[in-house]
Amino acid sequence: MTSMRLKATWLGAALPVTLSLLAASPALSGQQDTTRAAASSDPRPFSILVDLSERQLYVRRGDDVIETFQVAVGTDAHPTPKGTYRIRKIVWNPRWVPPDEKWARGKRPQPPGSPNNPMGRVKLFFVEPDYYIHGTRNEESLGQAESHGCVRMRNPEVIRLATSVMENGGEQRPPSWFRRVINRVTHTEQVQLPQPVQVTIRE
């Protein structure tokens, strides 16, 4: 595994995104990864499980957990909806539009790359238009119930998750596409998955 780094400017600061942290996805590194190649040929379904009480997101292949990430979830006043959903759309470098909710009154829309944009590097919709898995700079909130219903992840980890979801959702892209998206933080890219990925959210 090389120690190559992709430099991405995020919210006005240089954010080094290491390929090892992103699991050196072939889509990002352009190299063959035998573990991921074996997983992609595994006939068992790829899915995501979010455990609200544990504050963990599990990436699964069949019944096996292949990756685990710490997340922040909704508060009691703004709970993350429980149930089984499907990710059909991913937005890289999203802008933020305040929802029509009391807590968002007085807040202004934020473009991608803005230091006040709470969406992070990518968001994966599981209930459109209001609920998604997204990145955050507020890493202190991870492991807590602090969101307004969405599921928050560290930016490098949500990039890694979104890459896997695209690979397993029928939208593989060349390494140059991911490098461009990661480095052009003010440019939004939207991806529709021809094979939606299942997300289960449980208490």
N, C-alpha and C. Protein backbone atom coordinates (compact mmCIF):
# COMPACT_ATOMS: atom_id res chain seq x y z
N MET A 1 0.85 -1.19 0.00
CA MET A 1 0.00 0.00 0.00
C MET A 1 0.89 1.24 0.00
N THR A 2 0.65 2.16 -0.94
CA THR A 2 1.47 3.35 -1.00
C THR A 2 0.98 4.35 0.01
N SER A 3 1.78 5.39 0.24
CA SER A 3 1.39 6.44 1.18
C SER A 3 1.02 7.71 0.43
N MET A 4 0.53 7.54 -0.80
CA MET A 4 0.11 8.69 -1.61
C MET A 4 -0.95 9.49 -0.89
N ARG A 5 -0.97 10.78 -1.15
CA ARG A 5 -1.98 11.64 -0.55
C ARG A 5 -2.69 12.43 -1.64
N LEU A 6 -3.96 12.59 -1.47
CA LEU A 6 -4.73 13.49 -2.31
C LEU A 6 -4.96 14.75 -1.48
N LYS A 7 -4.60 15.89 -2.05
CA LYS A 7 -4.80 17.16 -1.35
C LYS A 7 -6.14 17.74 -1.75
N ALA A 8 -6.96 17.99 -0.77
CA ALA A 8 -8.26 18.59 -1.05
C ALA A 8 -8.44 19.79 -0.15
N THR A 9 -8.83 20.91 -0.73
CA THR A 9 -9.10 22.09 0.07
C THR A 9 -10.54 22.03 0.51
N TRP A 10 -10.75 21.99 1.83
CA TRP A 10 -12.12 21.86 2.36
C TRP A 10 -12.36 22.95 3.38
N LEU A 11 -13.36 23.76 3.12
CA LEU A 11 -13.77 24.83 4.03
C LEU A 11 -12.61 25.76 4.34
N GLY A 12 -11.83 26.07 3.29
CA GLY A 12 -10.77 27.05 3.43
C GLY A 12 -9.49 26.53 4.02
N ALA A 13 -9.39 25.23 4.28
CA ALA A 13 -8.17 24.66 4.85
C ALA A 13 -7.78 23.45 4.05
N ALA A 14 -6.48 23.15 4.02
CA ALA A 14 -6.00 21.98 3.28
C ALA A 14 -6.35 20.73 4.06
N LEU A 15 -7.02 19.80 3.40
CA LEU A 15 -7.40 18.56 4.05
C LEU A 15 -6.69 17.41 3.36
N PRO A 16 -5.65 16.80 3.97
CA PRO A 16 -4.99 15.67 3.35
C PRO A 16 -5.85 14.42 3.49
N VAL A 17 -6.18 13.83 2.36
CA VAL A 17 -6.98 12.62 2.37
C VAL A 17 -6.08 11.47 1.95
N THR A 18 -5.67 10.63 2.89
CA THR A 18 -4.77 9.55 2.55
C THR A 18 -5.52 8.40 1.91
N LEU A 19 -4.87 7.76 0.96
CA LEU A 19 -5.50 6.63 0.30
C LEU A 19 -5.69 5.47 1.26
N SER A 20 -4.78 5.34 2.23
CA SER A 20 -4.97 4.26 3.20
C SER A 20 -6.23 4.51 4.04
N LEU A 21 -6.51 5.76 4.39
CA LEU A 21 -7.71 6.07 5.17
C LEU A 21 -8.96 5.80 4.37
N LEU A 22 -8.87 5.97 3.04
CA LEU A 22 -10.01 5.72 2.17
C LEU A 22 -10.05 4.28 1.69
N ALA A 23 -9.30 3.41 2.32
CA ALA A 23 -9.24 1.99 1.99
C ALA A 23 -8.66 1.74 0.62
N ALA A 24 -7.95 2.74 0.07
CA ALA A 24 -7.30 2.60 -1.22
C ALA A 24 -8.22 1.94 -2.25
N SER A 25 -9.41 2.48 -2.35
CA SER A 25 -10.35 1.97 -3.35
C SER A 25 -9.73 2.03 -4.72
N PRO A 26 -9.89 1.01 -5.56
CA PRO A 26 -9.39 1.08 -6.92
C PRO A 26 -9.91 2.30 -7.66
N ALA A 27 -11.13 2.73 -7.33
CA ALA A 27 -11.68 3.91 -7.99
C ALA A 27 -10.87 5.16 -7.68
N LEU A 28 -10.19 5.19 -6.51
CA LEU A 28 -9.41 6.35 -6.12
C LEU A 28 -7.94 6.20 -6.48
N SER A 29 -7.39 5.02 -6.29
CA SER A 29 -5.95 4.83 -6.48
C SER A 29 -5.57 4.42 -7.88
N GLY A 30 -6.52 3.83 -8.62
CA GLY A 30 -6.18 3.32 -9.93
C GLY A 30 -5.42 2.01 -9.86
N GLN A 31 -5.30 1.44 -8.68
CA GLN A 31 -4.58 0.20 -8.49
C GLN A 31 -5.54 -0.92 -8.18
N GLN A 32 -5.10 -2.16 -8.43
CA GLN A 32 -5.94 -3.30 -8.10
C GLN A 32 -5.88 -3.57 -6.60
N ASP A 33 -7.00 -3.71 -5.97
CA ASP A 33 -7.09 -4.07 -4.56
C ASP A 33 -7.77 -5.42 -4.48
N THR A 34 -7.01 -6.45 -4.10
CA THR A 34 -7.54 -7.80 -4.17
C THR A 34 -8.68 -8.02 -3.19
N THR A 35 -8.62 -7.39 -2.00
CA THR A 35 -9.70 -7.54 -1.03
C THR A 35 -11.00 -6.99 -1.58
N ARG A 36 -10.97 -5.77 -2.12
CA ARG A 36 -12.17 -5.16 -2.64
C ARG A 36 -12.62 -5.85 -3.92
N ALA A 37 -11.67 -6.33 -4.73
CA ALA A 37 -12.06 -7.04 -5.94
C ALA A 37 -12.81 -8.31 -5.59
N ALA A 38 -12.35 -8.99 -4.53
CA ALA A 38 -13.04 -10.20 -4.09
C ALA A 38 -14.43 -9.86 -3.57
N ALA A 39 -14.52 -8.72 -2.83
CA ALA A 39 -15.82 -8.33 -2.29
C ALA A 39 -16.80 -7.98 -3.41
N SER A 40 -16.31 -7.32 -4.47
CA SER A 40 -17.20 -6.91 -5.54
C SER A 40 -17.74 -8.10 -6.31
N SER A 41 -17.02 -9.23 -6.29
CA SER A 41 -17.48 -10.43 -6.97
C SER A 41 -18.30 -11.33 -6.03
N ASP A 42 -18.41 -10.94 -4.78
CA ASP A 42 -19.19 -11.70 -3.80
C ASP A 42 -20.67 -11.54 -4.15
N PRO A 43 -21.40 -12.62 -4.33
CA PRO A 43 -22.81 -12.51 -4.72
C PRO A 43 -23.73 -12.03 -3.60
N ARG A 44 -23.25 -12.04 -2.36
CA ARG A 44 -24.10 -11.61 -1.25
C ARG A 44 -24.37 -10.11 -1.34
N PRO A 45 -25.55 -9.67 -0.93
CA PRO A 45 -25.90 -8.25 -1.08
C PRO A 45 -25.06 -7.34 -0.19
N PHE A 46 -24.75 -6.19 -0.73
CA PHE A 46 -24.05 -5.12 -0.03
C PHE A 46 -25.12 -4.23 0.60
N SER A 47 -24.97 -3.90 1.89
CA SER A 47 -25.98 -3.08 2.56
C SER A 47 -25.34 -2.30 3.70
N ILE A 48 -26.12 -1.38 4.26
CA ILE A 48 -25.68 -0.54 5.37
C ILE A 48 -26.67 -0.69 6.52
N LEU A 49 -26.14 -0.79 7.74
CA LEU A 49 -26.96 -0.84 8.95
C LEU A 49 -26.50 0.27 9.88
N VAL A 50 -27.43 1.11 10.32
CA VAL A 50 -27.14 2.14 11.31
C VAL A 50 -27.83 1.75 12.61
N ASP A 51 -27.03 1.60 13.68
CA ASP A 51 -27.57 1.28 15.00
C ASP A 51 -27.60 2.58 15.81
N LEU A 52 -28.80 3.07 16.08
CA LEU A 52 -28.93 4.37 16.75
C LEU A 52 -28.43 4.36 18.18
N SER A 53 -28.68 3.28 18.91
CA SER A 53 -28.26 3.23 20.30
C SER A 53 -26.74 3.07 20.42
N GLU A 54 -26.14 2.35 19.48
CA GLU A 54 -24.69 2.16 19.51
C GLU A 54 -23.94 3.32 18.85
N ARG A 55 -24.67 4.16 18.07
CA ARG A 55 -24.05 5.25 17.31
C ARG A 55 -22.97 4.70 16.37
N GLN A 56 -23.34 3.61 15.69
CA GLN A 56 -22.41 2.97 14.77
C GLN A 56 -23.10 2.73 13.42
N LEU A 57 -22.32 2.84 12.36
CA LEU A 57 -22.77 2.47 11.03
C LEU A 57 -21.97 1.26 10.59
N TYR A 58 -22.66 0.22 10.18
CA TYR A 58 -22.03 -1.03 9.77
C TYR A 58 -22.23 -1.23 8.27
N VAL A 59 -21.14 -1.48 7.57
CA VAL A 59 -21.21 -1.85 6.16
C VAL A 59 -21.19 -3.37 6.12
N ARG A 60 -22.17 -3.96 5.41
CA ARG A 60 -22.33 -5.42 5.46
C ARG A 60 -22.27 -6.04 4.07
N ARG A 61 -21.78 -7.25 4.04
CA ARG A 61 -21.85 -8.09 2.86
C ARG A 61 -22.59 -9.34 3.29
N GLY A 62 -23.85 -9.45 2.87
CA GLY A 62 -24.68 -10.50 3.43
C GLY A 62 -24.90 -10.23 4.90
N ASP A 63 -24.63 -11.20 5.76
CA ASP A 63 -24.76 -11.02 7.21
C ASP A 63 -23.45 -10.62 7.87
N ASP A 64 -22.38 -10.52 7.10
CA ASP A 64 -21.07 -10.20 7.66
C ASP A 64 -20.82 -8.69 7.66
N VAL A 65 -20.28 -8.17 8.76
CA VAL A 65 -19.89 -6.77 8.84
C VAL A 65 -18.48 -6.64 8.30
N ILE A 66 -18.29 -5.79 7.29
CA ILE A 66 -16.97 -5.63 6.68
C ILE A 66 -16.30 -4.32 7.07
N GLU A 67 -17.09 -3.33 7.54
CA GLU A 67 -16.53 -2.08 8.03
C GLU A 67 -17.47 -1.50 9.07
N THR A 68 -16.89 -0.75 10.02
CA THR A 68 -17.68 -0.12 11.07
C THR A 68 -17.21 1.33 11.23
N PHE A 69 -18.17 2.25 11.34
CA PHE A 69 -17.85 3.66 11.50
C PHE A 69 -18.67 4.26 12.64
N GLN A 70 -18.04 5.13 13.41
CA GLN A 70 -18.76 5.86 14.44
C GLN A 70 -19.53 7.01 13.79
N VAL A 71 -20.75 7.25 14.26
CA VAL A 71 -21.59 8.30 13.66
C VAL A 71 -22.27 9.11 14.75
N ALA A 72 -22.82 10.25 14.35
CA ALA A 72 -23.76 11.00 15.18
C ALA A 72 -25.14 10.80 14.60
N VAL A 73 -26.13 10.76 15.47
CA VAL A 73 -27.52 10.52 15.04
C VAL A 73 -28.42 11.63 15.58
N GLY A 74 -29.71 11.53 15.27
CA GLY A 74 -30.65 12.57 15.65
C GLY A 74 -30.92 12.63 17.14
N THR A 75 -31.30 13.81 17.59
CA THR A 75 -31.68 14.01 18.99
C THR A 75 -33.08 13.47 19.22
N ASP A 76 -33.50 13.47 20.49
CA ASP A 76 -34.86 13.05 20.80
C ASP A 76 -35.89 13.97 20.13
N ALA A 77 -35.56 15.25 20.04
CA ALA A 77 -36.47 16.21 19.42
C ALA A 77 -36.48 16.09 17.89
N HIS A 78 -35.38 15.62 17.34
CA HIS A 78 -35.26 15.46 15.88
C HIS A 78 -34.66 14.09 15.60
N PRO A 79 -35.42 13.02 15.79
CA PRO A 79 -34.87 11.67 15.70
C PRO A 79 -34.56 11.25 14.26
N THR A 80 -33.59 10.39 14.14
CA THR A 80 -33.32 9.75 12.85
C THR A 80 -34.41 8.72 12.61
N PRO A 81 -35.05 8.74 11.46
CA PRO A 81 -36.17 7.81 11.22
C PRO A 81 -35.71 6.36 11.14
N LYS A 82 -36.40 5.50 11.86
CA LYS A 82 -36.09 4.07 11.84
C LYS A 82 -36.83 3.40 10.68
N GLY A 83 -36.21 2.34 10.15
CA GLY A 83 -36.84 1.61 9.06
C GLY A 83 -35.82 1.14 8.05
N THR A 84 -36.30 0.63 6.94
CA THR A 84 -35.44 0.17 5.86
C THR A 84 -35.68 1.04 4.64
N TYR A 85 -34.58 1.59 4.11
CA TYR A 85 -34.65 2.53 2.99
C TYR A 85 -33.63 2.12 1.93
N ARG A 86 -33.56 2.93 0.88
CA ARG A 86 -32.58 2.66 -0.18
C ARG A 86 -31.91 3.96 -0.60
N ILE A 87 -30.60 3.88 -0.75
CA ILE A 87 -29.84 5.02 -1.28
C ILE A 87 -29.93 4.97 -2.80
N ARG A 88 -30.50 6.02 -3.37
CA ARG A 88 -30.62 6.13 -4.82
C ARG A 88 -29.82 7.30 -5.39
N LYS A 89 -29.50 8.25 -4.51
CA LYS A 89 -28.81 9.46 -4.97
C LYS A 89 -27.69 9.84 -4.02
N ILE A 90 -26.56 10.24 -4.60
CA ILE A 90 -25.40 10.72 -3.86
C ILE A 90 -25.03 12.09 -4.41
N VAL A 91 -24.75 13.04 -3.54
CA VAL A 91 -24.31 14.36 -3.97
C VAL A 91 -22.94 14.64 -3.36
N TRP A 92 -21.96 14.82 -4.22
CA TRP A 92 -20.60 15.15 -3.80
C TRP A 92 -20.46 16.67 -3.72
N ASN A 93 -19.77 17.16 -2.70
CA ASN A 93 -19.59 18.59 -2.47
C ASN A 93 -20.94 19.31 -2.51
N PRO A 94 -21.86 18.92 -1.63
CA PRO A 94 -23.21 19.50 -1.70
C PRO A 94 -23.28 20.92 -1.15
N ARG A 95 -24.22 21.68 -1.65
CA ARG A 95 -24.56 22.94 -1.02
C ARG A 95 -25.55 22.64 0.10
N TRP A 96 -25.77 23.61 0.99
CA TRP A 96 -26.72 23.41 2.08
C TRP A 96 -27.82 24.45 1.98
N VAL A 97 -29.06 23.97 2.01
CA VAL A 97 -30.23 24.85 2.01
C VAL A 97 -30.95 24.63 3.33
N PRO A 98 -31.12 25.65 4.15
CA PRO A 98 -31.81 25.46 5.44
C PRO A 98 -33.22 24.91 5.22
N PRO A 99 -33.59 23.88 5.96
CA PRO A 99 -34.94 23.35 5.82
C PRO A 99 -35.96 24.30 6.44
N ASP A 100 -37.21 24.09 6.09
CA ASP A 100 -38.28 24.91 6.64
C ASP A 100 -38.66 24.38 8.02
N GLU A 101 -37.75 24.58 8.95
CA GLU A 101 -37.92 24.10 10.32
C GLU A 101 -37.58 25.23 11.29
N LYS A 102 -38.14 25.16 12.47
CA LYS A 102 -37.92 26.21 13.47
C LYS A 102 -36.44 26.39 13.79
N TRP A 103 -35.71 25.27 13.93
CA TRP A 103 -34.30 25.37 14.32
C TRP A 103 -33.44 26.04 13.25
N ALA A 104 -33.93 26.07 11.99
CA ALA A 104 -33.14 26.63 10.90
C ALA A 104 -33.50 28.07 10.56
N ARG A 105 -34.44 28.64 11.31
CA ARG A 105 -34.85 30.01 11.02
C ARG A 105 -33.68 30.98 11.18
N GLY A 106 -33.55 31.87 10.21
CA GLY A 106 -32.48 32.85 10.24
C GLY A 106 -31.18 32.37 9.64
N LYS A 107 -31.08 31.07 9.34
CA LYS A 107 -29.86 30.53 8.72
C LYS A 107 -29.92 30.74 7.21
N ARG A 108 -28.76 30.92 6.60
CA ARG A 108 -28.69 31.21 5.18
C ARG A 108 -28.12 30.03 4.41
N PRO A 109 -28.54 29.86 3.16
CA PRO A 109 -27.97 28.79 2.33
C PRO A 109 -26.46 28.96 2.23
N GLN A 110 -25.76 27.82 2.13
CA GLN A 110 -24.31 27.83 2.05
C GLN A 110 -23.85 27.04 0.82
N PRO A 111 -22.99 27.63 0.02
CA PRO A 111 -22.50 26.93 -1.17
C PRO A 111 -21.49 25.86 -0.80
N PRO A 112 -21.19 24.94 -1.71
CA PRO A 112 -20.13 23.96 -1.43
C PRO A 112 -18.80 24.68 -1.19
N GLY A 113 -18.08 24.20 -0.22
CA GLY A 113 -16.80 24.82 0.12
C GLY A 113 -16.89 25.93 1.13
N SER A 114 -18.10 26.35 1.50
CA SER A 114 -18.24 27.42 2.48
C SER A 114 -17.85 26.92 3.87
N PRO A 115 -17.17 27.74 4.67
CA PRO A 115 -16.82 27.32 6.03
C PRO A 115 -18.04 27.12 6.93
N ASN A 116 -19.20 27.62 6.50
CA ASN A 116 -20.41 27.47 7.30
C ASN A 116 -21.33 26.38 6.76
N ASN A 117 -20.87 25.62 5.78
CA ASN A 117 -21.68 24.54 5.22
C ASN A 117 -21.54 23.30 6.09
N PRO A 118 -22.64 22.81 6.71
CA PRO A 118 -22.53 21.66 7.62
C PRO A 118 -22.60 20.30 6.94
N MET A 119 -22.65 20.27 5.61
CA MET A 119 -22.89 19.01 4.90
C MET A 119 -21.65 18.15 4.70
N GLY A 120 -20.46 18.71 4.81
CA GLY A 120 -19.28 17.90 4.57
C GLY A 120 -19.06 17.64 3.09
N ARG A 121 -18.27 16.61 2.80
CA ARG A 121 -17.82 16.37 1.43
C ARG A 121 -18.83 15.65 0.56
N VAL A 122 -19.75 14.90 1.16
CA VAL A 122 -20.68 14.12 0.35
C VAL A 122 -21.89 13.76 1.21
N LYS A 123 -23.05 13.66 0.56
CA LYS A 123 -24.24 13.19 1.29
C LYS A 123 -24.93 12.12 0.47
N LEU A 124 -25.42 11.09 1.19
CA LEU A 124 -26.08 9.95 0.59
C LEU A 124 -27.53 9.94 1.10
N PHE A 125 -28.46 10.20 0.22
CA PHE A 125 -29.87 10.29 0.61
C PHE A 125 -30.43 8.90 0.93
N PHE A 126 -31.09 8.78 2.09
CA PHE A 126 -31.84 7.54 2.34
C PHE A 126 -33.34 7.80 2.46
N VAL A 127 -33.73 9.04 2.80
CA VAL A 127 -35.13 9.47 2.71
C VAL A 127 -35.10 10.86 2.07
N GLU A 128 -35.49 10.95 0.83
CA GLU A 128 -35.47 12.26 0.17
C GLU A 128 -36.72 13.06 0.53
N PRO A 129 -36.60 14.38 0.71
CA PRO A 129 -35.38 15.17 0.51
C PRO A 129 -34.65 15.51 1.80
N ASP A 130 -35.08 14.99 2.94
CA ASP A 130 -34.64 15.55 4.22
C ASP A 130 -33.59 14.76 5.00
N TYR A 131 -33.41 13.47 4.71
CA TYR A 131 -32.54 12.67 5.55
C TYR A 131 -31.45 12.00 4.71
N TYR A 132 -30.22 12.11 5.23
CA TYR A 132 -29.09 11.55 4.50
C TYR A 132 -27.93 11.26 5.45
N ILE A 133 -27.03 10.45 4.98
CA ILE A 133 -25.74 10.23 5.63
C ILE A 133 -24.80 11.28 5.04
N HIS A 134 -24.13 12.05 5.87
CA HIS A 134 -23.27 13.11 5.33
C HIS A 134 -22.04 13.32 6.19
N GLY A 135 -21.07 14.02 5.60
CA GLY A 135 -19.85 14.33 6.31
C GLY A 135 -20.03 15.48 7.28
N THR A 136 -19.07 15.63 8.18
CA THR A 136 -19.10 16.74 9.13
C THR A 136 -17.69 17.08 9.58
N ARG A 137 -17.48 18.36 9.87
CA ARG A 137 -16.23 18.79 10.51
C ARG A 137 -16.37 18.73 12.02
N ASN A 138 -17.61 18.65 12.50
CA ASN A 138 -17.87 18.63 13.94
C ASN A 138 -17.69 17.20 14.47
N GLU A 139 -16.46 16.76 14.50
CA GLU A 139 -16.20 15.37 14.90
C GLU A 139 -16.49 15.13 16.37
N GLU A 140 -16.57 16.20 17.18
CA GLU A 140 -16.91 16.03 18.59
C GLU A 140 -18.33 15.49 18.76
N SER A 141 -19.17 15.66 17.73
CA SER A 141 -20.54 15.18 17.83
C SER A 141 -20.66 13.68 17.56
N LEU A 142 -19.63 13.07 17.00
CA LEU A 142 -19.69 11.65 16.67
C LEU A 142 -19.79 10.82 17.94
N GLY A 143 -20.64 9.81 17.88
CA GLY A 143 -20.91 9.01 19.07
C GLY A 143 -22.02 9.59 19.93
N GLN A 144 -22.60 10.72 19.47
CA GLN A 144 -23.63 11.40 20.24
C GLN A 144 -24.92 11.49 19.43
N ALA A 145 -26.00 11.86 20.12
CA ALA A 145 -27.27 12.17 19.45
C ALA A 145 -27.35 13.68 19.36
N GLU A 146 -26.82 14.25 18.27
CA GLU A 146 -26.70 15.70 18.16
C GLU A 146 -27.18 16.26 16.84
N SER A 147 -27.62 15.41 15.91
CA SER A 147 -28.04 15.93 14.61
C SER A 147 -29.53 16.24 14.60
N HIS A 148 -30.00 16.78 13.47
CA HIS A 148 -31.42 17.05 13.29
C HIS A 148 -32.09 15.92 12.50
N GLY A 149 -31.57 14.70 12.68
CA GLY A 149 -32.17 13.52 12.08
C GLY A 149 -31.28 12.81 11.08
N CYS A 150 -30.29 13.52 10.56
CA CYS A 150 -29.36 12.88 9.62
C CYS A 150 -28.30 12.08 10.37
N VAL A 151 -27.51 11.33 9.62
CA VAL A 151 -26.43 10.53 10.18
C VAL A 151 -25.12 11.18 9.75
N ARG A 152 -24.32 11.61 10.72
CA ARG A 152 -23.05 12.30 10.43
C ARG A 152 -21.87 11.35 10.52
N MET A 153 -20.89 11.56 9.63
CA MET A 153 -19.66 10.78 9.65
C MET A 153 -18.46 11.72 9.44
N ARG A 154 -17.27 11.24 9.79
CA ARG A 154 -16.05 11.96 9.45
C ARG A 154 -15.95 12.09 7.94
N ASN A 155 -15.43 13.21 7.46
CA ASN A 155 -15.35 13.43 6.02
C ASN A 155 -14.57 12.34 5.28
N PRO A 156 -13.36 11.96 5.71
CA PRO A 156 -12.67 10.89 4.97
C PRO A 156 -13.44 9.58 4.97
N GLU A 157 -14.17 9.31 6.05
CA GLU A 157 -14.91 8.04 6.13
C GLU A 157 -16.17 8.06 5.27
N VAL A 158 -16.83 9.22 5.17
CA VAL A 158 -18.02 9.26 4.32
C VAL A 158 -17.62 9.23 2.84
N ILE A 159 -16.44 9.75 2.51
CA ILE A 159 -15.92 9.61 1.15
C ILE A 159 -15.70 8.14 0.84
N ARG A 160 -15.11 7.45 1.78
CA ARG A 160 -14.87 6.01 1.63
C ARG A 160 -16.18 5.25 1.47
N LEU A 161 -17.18 5.59 2.29
CA LEU A 161 -18.48 4.93 2.21
C LEU A 161 -19.15 5.21 0.86
N ALA A 162 -19.15 6.47 0.45
CA ALA A 162 -19.80 6.83 -0.81
C ALA A 162 -19.14 6.13 -2.00
N THR A 163 -17.83 5.99 -1.95
CA THR A 163 -17.12 5.27 -3.02
C THR A 163 -17.59 3.83 -3.08
N SER A 164 -17.69 3.17 -1.93
CA SER A 164 -18.16 1.78 -1.89
C SER A 164 -19.60 1.66 -2.36
N VAL A 165 -20.45 2.61 -1.96
CA VAL A 165 -21.85 2.57 -2.37
C VAL A 165 -21.96 2.72 -3.89
N MET A 166 -21.17 3.61 -4.47
CA MET A 166 -21.19 3.75 -5.93
C MET A 166 -20.72 2.47 -6.62
N GLU A 167 -19.65 1.88 -6.09
CA GLU A 167 -19.12 0.65 -6.70
C GLU A 167 -20.15 -0.47 -6.65
N ASN A 168 -20.88 -0.55 -5.55
CA ASN A 168 -21.86 -1.63 -5.38
C ASN A 168 -23.24 -1.26 -5.90
N GLY A 169 -23.44 0.00 -6.22
CA GLY A 169 -24.73 0.46 -6.74
C GLY A 169 -24.75 0.62 -8.24
N GLY A 170 -23.72 0.10 -8.90
CA GLY A 170 -23.71 0.11 -10.36
C GLY A 170 -23.22 1.39 -10.99
N GLU A 171 -22.51 2.23 -10.23
CA GLU A 171 -21.99 3.49 -10.79
C GLU A 171 -20.49 3.60 -10.56
N GLN A 172 -19.73 2.61 -11.04
CA GLN A 172 -18.29 2.68 -10.95
C GLN A 172 -17.79 3.85 -11.81
N ARG A 173 -16.78 4.55 -11.31
CA ARG A 173 -16.19 5.66 -12.04
C ARG A 173 -14.68 5.48 -12.09
N PRO A 174 -14.00 6.07 -13.07
CA PRO A 174 -12.54 5.95 -13.18
C PRO A 174 -11.85 6.75 -12.07
N PRO A 175 -10.60 6.43 -11.78
CA PRO A 175 -9.86 7.15 -10.73
C PRO A 175 -9.85 8.66 -10.95
N SER A 176 -9.76 9.10 -12.20
CA SER A 176 -9.71 10.54 -12.47
C SER A 176 -10.97 11.24 -12.02
N TRP A 177 -12.11 10.57 -12.07
CA TRP A 177 -13.37 11.19 -11.66
C TRP A 177 -13.34 11.47 -10.16
N PHE A 178 -12.92 10.49 -9.37
CA PHE A 178 -12.88 10.67 -7.91
C PHE A 178 -11.84 11.71 -7.53
N ARG A 179 -10.69 11.71 -8.19
CA ARG A 179 -9.67 12.71 -7.88
C ARG A 179 -10.20 14.11 -8.16
N ARG A 180 -10.91 14.25 -9.27
CA ARG A 180 -11.46 15.56 -9.61
C ARG A 180 -12.49 16.00 -8.58
N VAL A 181 -13.39 15.10 -8.20
CA VAL A 181 -14.43 15.44 -7.22
C VAL A 181 -13.82 15.81 -5.88
N ILE A 182 -12.83 15.06 -5.44
CA ILE A 182 -12.21 15.31 -4.14
C ILE A 182 -11.47 16.63 -4.11
N ASN A 183 -10.86 17.01 -5.24
CA ASN A 183 -10.06 18.23 -5.26
C ASN A 183 -10.86 19.48 -5.60
N ARG A 184 -11.96 19.34 -6.32
CA ARG A 184 -12.76 20.51 -6.70
C ARG A 184 -13.93 20.66 -5.73
N VAL A 185 -13.64 21.18 -4.55
CA VAL A 185 -14.63 21.17 -3.48
C VAL A 185 -15.79 22.13 -3.71
N THR A 186 -15.62 23.09 -4.61
CA THR A 186 -16.72 24.03 -4.86
C THR A 186 -17.59 23.57 -6.03
N HIS A 187 -17.29 22.43 -6.59
CA HIS A 187 -18.05 21.90 -7.73
C HIS A 187 -18.87 20.70 -7.28
N THR A 188 -20.20 20.79 -7.44
CA THR A 188 -21.10 19.73 -7.01
C THR A 188 -21.30 18.70 -8.12
N GLU A 189 -21.27 17.42 -7.72
CA GLU A 189 -21.56 16.31 -8.65
C GLU A 189 -22.67 15.47 -8.05
N GLN A 190 -23.68 15.16 -8.85
CA GLN A 190 -24.78 14.32 -8.40
C GLN A 190 -24.74 12.99 -9.13
N VAL A 191 -24.95 11.90 -8.39
CA VAL A 191 -24.89 10.55 -8.95
C VAL A 191 -26.19 9.82 -8.62
N GLN A 192 -26.81 9.22 -9.63
CA GLN A 192 -27.98 8.38 -9.44
C GLN A 192 -27.55 6.92 -9.55
N LEU A 193 -27.97 6.09 -8.61
CA LEU A 193 -27.57 4.69 -8.60
C LEU A 193 -28.59 3.84 -9.35
N PRO A 194 -28.17 3.10 -10.37
CA PRO A 194 -29.10 2.20 -11.06
C PRO A 194 -29.50 1.00 -10.20
N GLN A 195 -28.65 0.67 -9.19
CA GLN A 195 -28.94 -0.43 -8.28
C GLN A 195 -28.93 0.13 -6.85
N PRO A 196 -30.05 0.65 -6.37
CA PRO A 196 -30.08 1.28 -5.04
C PRO A 196 -29.54 0.38 -3.94
N VAL A 197 -28.87 0.98 -2.99
CA VAL A 197 -28.25 0.26 -1.87
C VAL A 197 -29.14 0.37 -0.64
N GLN A 198 -29.41 -0.76 -0.01
CA GLN A 198 -30.29 -0.79 1.16
C GLN A 198 -29.63 -0.24 2.40
N VAL A 199 -30.40 0.57 3.16
CA VAL A 199 -29.98 1.10 4.46
C VAL A 199 -31.05 0.73 5.47
N THR A 200 -30.64 0.08 6.54
CA THR A 200 -31.55 -0.24 7.64
C THR A 200 -31.14 0.58 8.85
N ILE A 201 -32.09 1.27 9.47
CA ILE A 201 -31.82 2.06 10.67
C ILE A 201 -32.66 1.47 11.81
N ARG A 202 -31.97 1.06 12.86
CA ARG A 202 -32.65 0.42 13.99
C ARG A 202 -32.26 1.09 15.29
N GLU A 203 -33.09 0.87 16.29
CA GLU A 203 -32.81 1.42 17.63
C GLU A 203 -31.69 0.63 18.28
